[in-house]
Amino acid sequence: MRAFLLTFFIFISGYTFSQNIKSISKKVSEINSIKNIKIKTVPYSYFLDKNQTSDNGIELKGFYKDGKLKKIEHFVGLSAWNISTQYFFSANDKLIFVLTKKYQIIDENGYIKNPKLLSESRYYYTDEKLVKVTGIAQNPDVENSYLKESKTLRRDLEEYK
């Protein structure tokens, strides 16, 4: 009987976990397909004024629907690669998903015509707790770093006029 109950609970928890990931993926798709979304762009000059510099620039975009932030796109251009990170938020303003991509833009011969994708990672959150990572995590404290970064970027979007 104990073996049956243990197997049953493992099955149910795995099923619930899978449903959470599917639900998050569905919400991300819905956000990406929103029509008439308002985009607010924070230029590199804003970050320069805050002493945040990068070889190839920094750009921040906030995507709003009905005054609510749905998505953030953050681009950082470094000397040899670019990092693009997207943050997605639930209806109650909680972080639910992060997609980060790192591209090589320079090699031994100079700048690459078509940047090469080096890594792609996906981070799924439920109640702002990391529940799944796919790809290669770039940071050992990834659960807290993307959560903190999303709050910092939200503040930057609010402060920029």
C-alpha atoms as a PDB file:
ATOM      1  CA  MET A   1       0.000   0.000   0.000  1.00  0.00           C
ATOM      2  CA  ARG A   2       2.828   2.417   0.864  1.00  0.00           C
ATOM      3  CA  ALA A   3       4.528   1.742  -2.457  1.00  0.00           C
ATOM      4  CA  PHE A   4       1.272   2.466  -4.272  1.00  0.00           C
ATOM      5  CA  LEU A   5       0.746   5.750  -2.395  1.00  0.00           C
ATOM      6  CA  LEU A   6       4.341   6.837  -2.999  1.00  0.00           C
ATOM      7  CA  THR A   7       4.046   6.074  -6.716  1.00  0.00           C
ATOM      8  CA  PHE A   8       0.694   7.854  -6.856  1.00  0.00           C
ATOM      9  CA  PHE A   9       2.042  11.023  -5.206  1.00  0.00           C
ATOM     10  CA  ILE A  10       5.110  11.077  -7.457  1.00  0.00           C
ATOM     11  CA  PHE A  11       2.863  10.754 -10.508  1.00  0.00           C
ATOM     12  CA  ILE A  12       0.503  13.523  -9.327  1.00  0.00           C
ATOM     13  CA  SER A  13       3.342  15.938  -8.467  1.00  0.00           C
ATOM     14  CA  GLY A  14       4.993  15.318 -11.855  1.00  0.00           C
ATOM     15  CA  TYR A  15       1.686  15.890 -13.631  1.00  0.00           C
ATOM     16  CA  THR A  16       1.039  19.128 -11.705  1.00  0.00           C
ATOM     17  CA  PHE A  17       4.573  20.381 -12.437  1.00  0.00           C
ATOM     18  CA  SER A  18       4.085  19.663 -16.138  1.00  0.00           C
ATOM     19  CA  GLN A  19       0.766  21.542 -16.110  1.00  0.00           C
ATOM     20  CA  ASN A  20       2.454  24.591 -14.487  1.00  0.00           C
ATOM     21  CA  ILE A  21       5.083  24.714 -17.256  1.00  0.00           C
ATOM     22  CA  LYS A  22       2.391  24.388 -19.945  1.00  0.00           C
ATOM     23  CA  SER A  23       0.378  27.165 -18.307  1.00  0.00           C
ATOM     24  CA  ILE A  24       3.421  29.465 -18.185  1.00  0.00           C
ATOM     25  CA  SER A  25       4.258  28.700 -21.825  1.00  0.00           C
ATOM     26  CA  LYS A  26       0.671  29.513 -22.813  1.00  0.00           C
ATOM     27  CA  LYS A  27       0.789  32.854 -20.971  1.00  0.00           C
ATOM     28  CA  VAL A  28       4.096  33.730 -22.668  1.00  0.00           C
ATOM     29  CA  SER A  29       2.568  32.948 -26.073  1.00  0.00           C
ATOM     30  CA  GLU A  30      -0.435  35.120 -25.250  1.00  0.00           C
ATOM     31  CA  ILE A  31       1.809  38.020 -24.239  1.00  0.00           C
ATOM     32  CA  ASN A  32       3.856  37.692 -27.428  1.00  0.00           C
ATOM     33  CA  SER A  33       0.691  37.803 -29.547  1.00  0.00           C
ATOM     34  CA  ILE A  34      -0.893  40.903 -27.950  1.00  0.00           C
ATOM     35  CA  LYS A  35      -1.926  43.456 -30.553  1.00  0.00           C
ATOM     36  CA  ASN A  36      -1.667  47.231 -30.018  1.00  0.00           C
ATOM     37  CA  ILE A  37       0.892  46.912 -27.256  1.00  0.00           C
ATOM     38  CA  LYS A  38       2.555  50.135 -26.072  1.00  0.00           C
ATOM     39  CA  ILE A  39       6.359  50.009 -26.117  1.00  0.00           C
ATOM     40  CA  LYS A  40       8.515  52.247 -23.941  1.00  0.00           C
ATOM     41  CA  THR A  41      12.213  52.332 -24.885  1.00  0.00           C
ATOM     42  CA  VAL A  42      14.947  53.414 -22.499  1.00  0.00           C
ATOM     43  CA  PRO A  43      18.011  54.441 -24.553  1.00  0.00           C
ATOM     44  CA  TYR A  44      21.684  53.851 -23.853  1.00  0.00           C
ATOM     45  CA  SER A  45      22.123  57.480 -22.728  1.00  0.00           C
ATOM     46  CA  TYR A  46      19.966  56.767 -19.644  1.00  0.00           C
ATOM     47  CA  PHE A  47      22.354  53.997 -18.595  1.00  0.00           C
ATOM     48  CA  LEU A  48      25.407  56.157 -19.323  1.00  0.00           C
ATOM     49  CA  ASP A  49      24.017  58.758 -16.912  1.00  0.00           C
ATOM     50  CA  LYS A  50      23.880  55.995 -14.278  1.00  0.00           C
ATOM     51  CA  ASN A  51      27.515  54.988 -15.044  1.00  0.00           C
ATOM     52  CA  GLN A  52      26.406  51.702 -16.625  1.00  0.00           C
ATOM     53  CA  THR A  53      28.458  51.333 -19.774  1.00  0.00           C
ATOM     54  CA  SER A  54      28.848  48.642 -22.371  1.00  0.00           C
ATOM     55  CA  ASP A  55      31.034  48.366 -25.484  1.00  0.00           C
ATOM     56  CA  ASN A  56      28.075  47.957 -27.824  1.00  0.00           C
ATOM     57  CA  GLY A  57      25.273  49.624 -25.905  1.00  0.00           C
ATOM     58  CA  ILE A  58      22.397  48.810 -23.593  1.00  0.00           C
ATOM     59  CA  GLU A  59      18.734  49.028 -24.470  1.00  0.00           C
ATOM     60  CA  LEU A  60      15.654  48.422 -22.377  1.00  0.00           C
ATOM     61  CA  LYS A  61      12.100  48.060 -23.675  1.00  0.00           C
ATOM     62  CA  GLY A  62       8.906  47.704 -21.680  1.00  0.00           C
ATOM     63  CA  PHE A  63       5.779  46.299 -23.326  1.00  0.00           C
ATOM     64  CA  TYR A  64       2.495  47.524 -21.818  1.00  0.00           C
ATOM     65  CA  LYS A  65      -1.136  46.559 -22.334  1.00  0.00           C
ATOM     66  CA  ASP A  66      -3.795  48.669 -20.627  1.00  0.00           C
ATOM     67  CA  GLY A  67      -1.099  50.318 -18.510  1.00  0.00           C
ATOM     68  CA  LYS A  68       0.262  47.009 -17.154  1.00  0.00           C
ATOM     69  CA  LEU A  69       3.790  45.811 -17.852  1.00  0.00           C
ATOM     70  CA  LYS A  70       3.638  42.464 -19.641  1.00  0.00           C
ATOM     71  CA  LYS A  71       7.170  42.008 -20.925  1.00  0.00           C
ATOM     72  CA  ILE A  72      10.658  43.502 -20.684  1.00  0.00           C
ATOM     73  CA  GLU A  73      13.388  43.136 -23.307  1.00  0.00           C
ATOM     74  CA  HIS A  74      16.903  43.949 -22.132  1.00  0.00           C
ATOM     75  CA  PHE A  75      19.856  44.045 -24.530  1.00  0.00           C
ATOM     76  CA  VAL A  76      23.499  44.372 -23.470  1.00  0.00           C
ATOM     77  CA  GLY A  77      26.198  44.582 -26.144  1.00  0.00           C
ATOM     78  CA  LEU A  78      29.597  43.510 -24.868  1.00  0.00           C
ATOM     79  CA  SER A  79      32.880  43.480 -26.776  1.00  0.00           C
ATOM     80  CA  ALA A  80      32.680  39.885 -28.075  1.00  0.00           C
ATOM     81  CA  TRP A  81      29.019  38.991 -27.607  1.00  0.00           C
ATOM     82  CA  ASN A  82      25.503  40.325 -27.131  1.00  0.00           C
ATOM     83  CA  ILE A  83      23.115  39.205 -24.429  1.00  0.00           C
ATOM     84  CA  SER A  84      19.375  39.490 -24.964  1.00  0.00           C
ATOM     85  CA  THR A  85      17.044  38.771 -22.054  1.00  0.00           C
ATOM     86  CA  GLN A  86      13.251  38.785 -22.043  1.00  0.00           C
ATOM     87  CA  TYR A  87      11.197  38.874 -18.842  1.00  0.00           C
ATOM     88  CA  PHE A  88       7.481  38.005 -18.806  1.00  0.00           C
ATOM     89  CA  PHE A  89       4.972  38.932 -16.111  1.00  0.00           C
ATOM     90  CA  SER A  90       1.639  37.461 -15.012  1.00  0.00           C
ATOM     91  CA  ALA A  91      -1.629  39.372 -14.688  1.00  0.00           C
ATOM     92  CA  ASN A  92      -0.746  40.014 -11.029  1.00  0.00           C
ATOM     93  CA  ASP A  93       2.669  41.515 -11.971  1.00  0.00           C
ATOM     94  CA  LYS A  94       4.783  38.530 -10.915  1.00  0.00           C
ATOM     95  CA  LEU A  95       7.741  37.230 -12.907  1.00  0.00           C
ATOM     96  CA  ILE A  96       6.740  33.989 -14.655  1.00  0.00           C
ATOM     97  CA  PHE A  97       9.360  33.407 -17.349  1.00  0.00           C
ATOM     98  CA  VAL A  98      12.817  34.538 -18.465  1.00  0.00           C
ATOM     99  CA  LEU A  99      14.430  33.783 -21.826  1.00  0.00           C
ATOM    100  CA  THR A 100      18.081  34.683 -22.257  1.00  0.00           C
ATOM    101  CA  LYS A 101      20.221  34.318 -25.371  1.00  0.00           C
ATOM    102  CA  LYS A 102      23.927  34.949 -25.777  1.00  0.00           C
ATOM    103  CA  TYR A 103      25.330  35.635 -29.254  1.00  0.00           C
ATOM    104  CA  GLN A 104      28.955  35.702 -30.393  1.00  0.00           C
ATOM    105  CA  ILE A 105      29.505  38.813 -32.532  1.00  0.00           C
ATOM    106  CA  ILE A 106      33.258  38.720 -33.048  1.00  0.00           C
ATOM    107  CA  ASP A 107      35.752  35.981 -33.823  1.00  0.00           C
ATOM    108  CA  GLU A 108      39.455  35.806 -34.714  1.00  0.00           C
ATOM    109  CA  ASN A 109      38.697  37.432 -38.111  1.00  0.00           C
ATOM    110  CA  GLY A 110      36.680  40.338 -36.739  1.00  0.00           C
ATOM    111  CA  TYR A 111      32.957  40.994 -36.515  1.00  0.00           C
ATOM    112  CA  ILE A 112      30.678  38.178 -37.634  1.00  0.00           C
ATOM    113  CA  LYS A 113      28.105  39.077 -40.300  1.00  0.00           C
ATOM    114  CA  ASN A 114      25.422  36.878 -38.692  1.00  0.00           C
ATOM    115  CA  PRO A 115      25.863  36.607 -34.910  1.00  0.00           C
ATOM    116  CA  LYS A 116      26.228  33.018 -33.692  1.00  0.00           C
ATOM    117  CA  LEU A 117      23.918  31.788 -30.929  1.00  0.00           C
ATOM    118  CA  LEU A 118      26.140  30.495 -28.109  1.00  0.00           C
ATOM    119  CA  SER A 119      23.525  29.706 -25.481  1.00  0.00           C
ATOM    120  CA  GLU A 120      19.816  29.904 -24.827  1.00  0.00           C
ATOM    121  CA  SER A 121      18.245  29.367 -21.421  1.00  0.00           C
ATOM    122  CA  ARG A 122      14.665  29.412 -20.156  1.00  0.00           C
ATOM    123  CA  TYR A 123      13.636  29.989 -16.553  1.00  0.00           C
ATOM    124  CA  TYR A 124      10.108  29.204 -15.348  1.00  0.00           C
ATOM    125  CA  TYR A 125       8.724  30.797 -12.174  1.00  0.00           C
ATOM    126  CA  THR A 126       5.652  30.128 -10.062  1.00  0.00           C
ATOM    127  CA  ASP A 127       4.891  32.717  -7.363  1.00  0.00           C
ATOM    128  CA  GLU A 128       8.326  34.186  -8.138  1.00  0.00           C
ATOM    129  CA  LYS A 129      10.039  30.911  -7.203  1.00  0.00           C
ATOM    130  CA  LEU A 130      12.178  29.231  -9.838  1.00  0.00           C
ATOM    131  CA  VAL A 131      10.580  25.895 -10.762  1.00  0.00           C
ATOM    132  CA  LYS A 132      12.459  24.847 -13.905  1.00  0.00           C
ATOM    133  CA  VAL A 133      15.529  25.759 -15.961  1.00  0.00           C
ATOM    134  CA  THR A 134      16.180  24.535 -19.483  1.00  0.00           C
ATOM    135  CA  GLY A 135      19.407  25.211 -21.319  1.00  0.00           C
ATOM    136  CA  ILE A 136      22.569  26.241 -19.534  1.00  0.00           C
ATOM    137  CA  ALA A 137      22.195  28.463 -16.481  1.00  0.00           C
ATOM    138  CA  GLN A 138      24.681  31.328 -16.764  1.00  0.00           C
ATOM    139  CA  ASN A 139      24.657  32.183 -13.075  1.00  0.00           C
ATOM    140  CA  PRO A 140      24.723  29.808 -10.081  1.00  0.00           C
ATOM    141  CA  ASP A 141      22.374  32.116  -8.136  1.00  0.00           C
ATOM    142  CA  VAL A 142      20.029  32.411 -11.099  1.00  0.00           C
ATOM    143  CA  GLU A 143      16.832  32.203  -9.031  1.00  0.00           C
ATOM    144  CA  ASN A 144      17.586  35.430  -7.233  1.00  0.00           C
ATOM    145  CA  SER A 145      19.546  37.233  -9.942  1.00  0.00           C
ATOM    146  CA  TYR A 146      16.804  37.323 -12.596  1.00  0.00           C
ATOM    147  CA  LEU A 147      14.169  38.157 -10.010  1.00  0.00           C
ATOM    148  CA  LYS A 148      16.287  41.059  -8.705  1.00  0.00           C
ATOM    149  CA  GLU A 149      17.226  42.160 -12.210  1.00  0.00           C
ATOM    150  CA  SER A 150      13.571  42.242 -13.290  1.00  0.00           C
ATOM    151  CA  LYS A 151      12.756  44.540 -10.363  1.00  0.00           C
ATOM    152  CA  THR A 152      15.699  46.820 -11.187  1.00  0.00           C
ATOM    153  CA  LEU A 153      14.653  47.007 -14.844  1.00  0.00           C
ATOM    154  CA  ARG A 154      11.044  47.780 -13.856  1.00  0.00           C
ATOM    155  CA  ARG A 155      12.369  50.658 -11.748  1.00  0.00           C
ATOM    156  CA  ASP A 156      14.429  51.921 -14.701  1.00  0.00           C
ATOM    157  CA  LEU A 157      11.315  51.871 -16.891  1.00  0.00           C
ATOM    158  CA  GLU A 158       9.369  53.822 -14.252  1.00  0.00           C
ATOM    159  CA  GLU A 159      12.146  56.394 -13.713  1.00  0.00           C
ATOM    160  CA  TYR A 160      12.826  57.121 -17.386  1.00  0.00           C
ATOM    161  CA  LYS A 161      10.666  59.948 -18.734  1.00  0.00           C
END
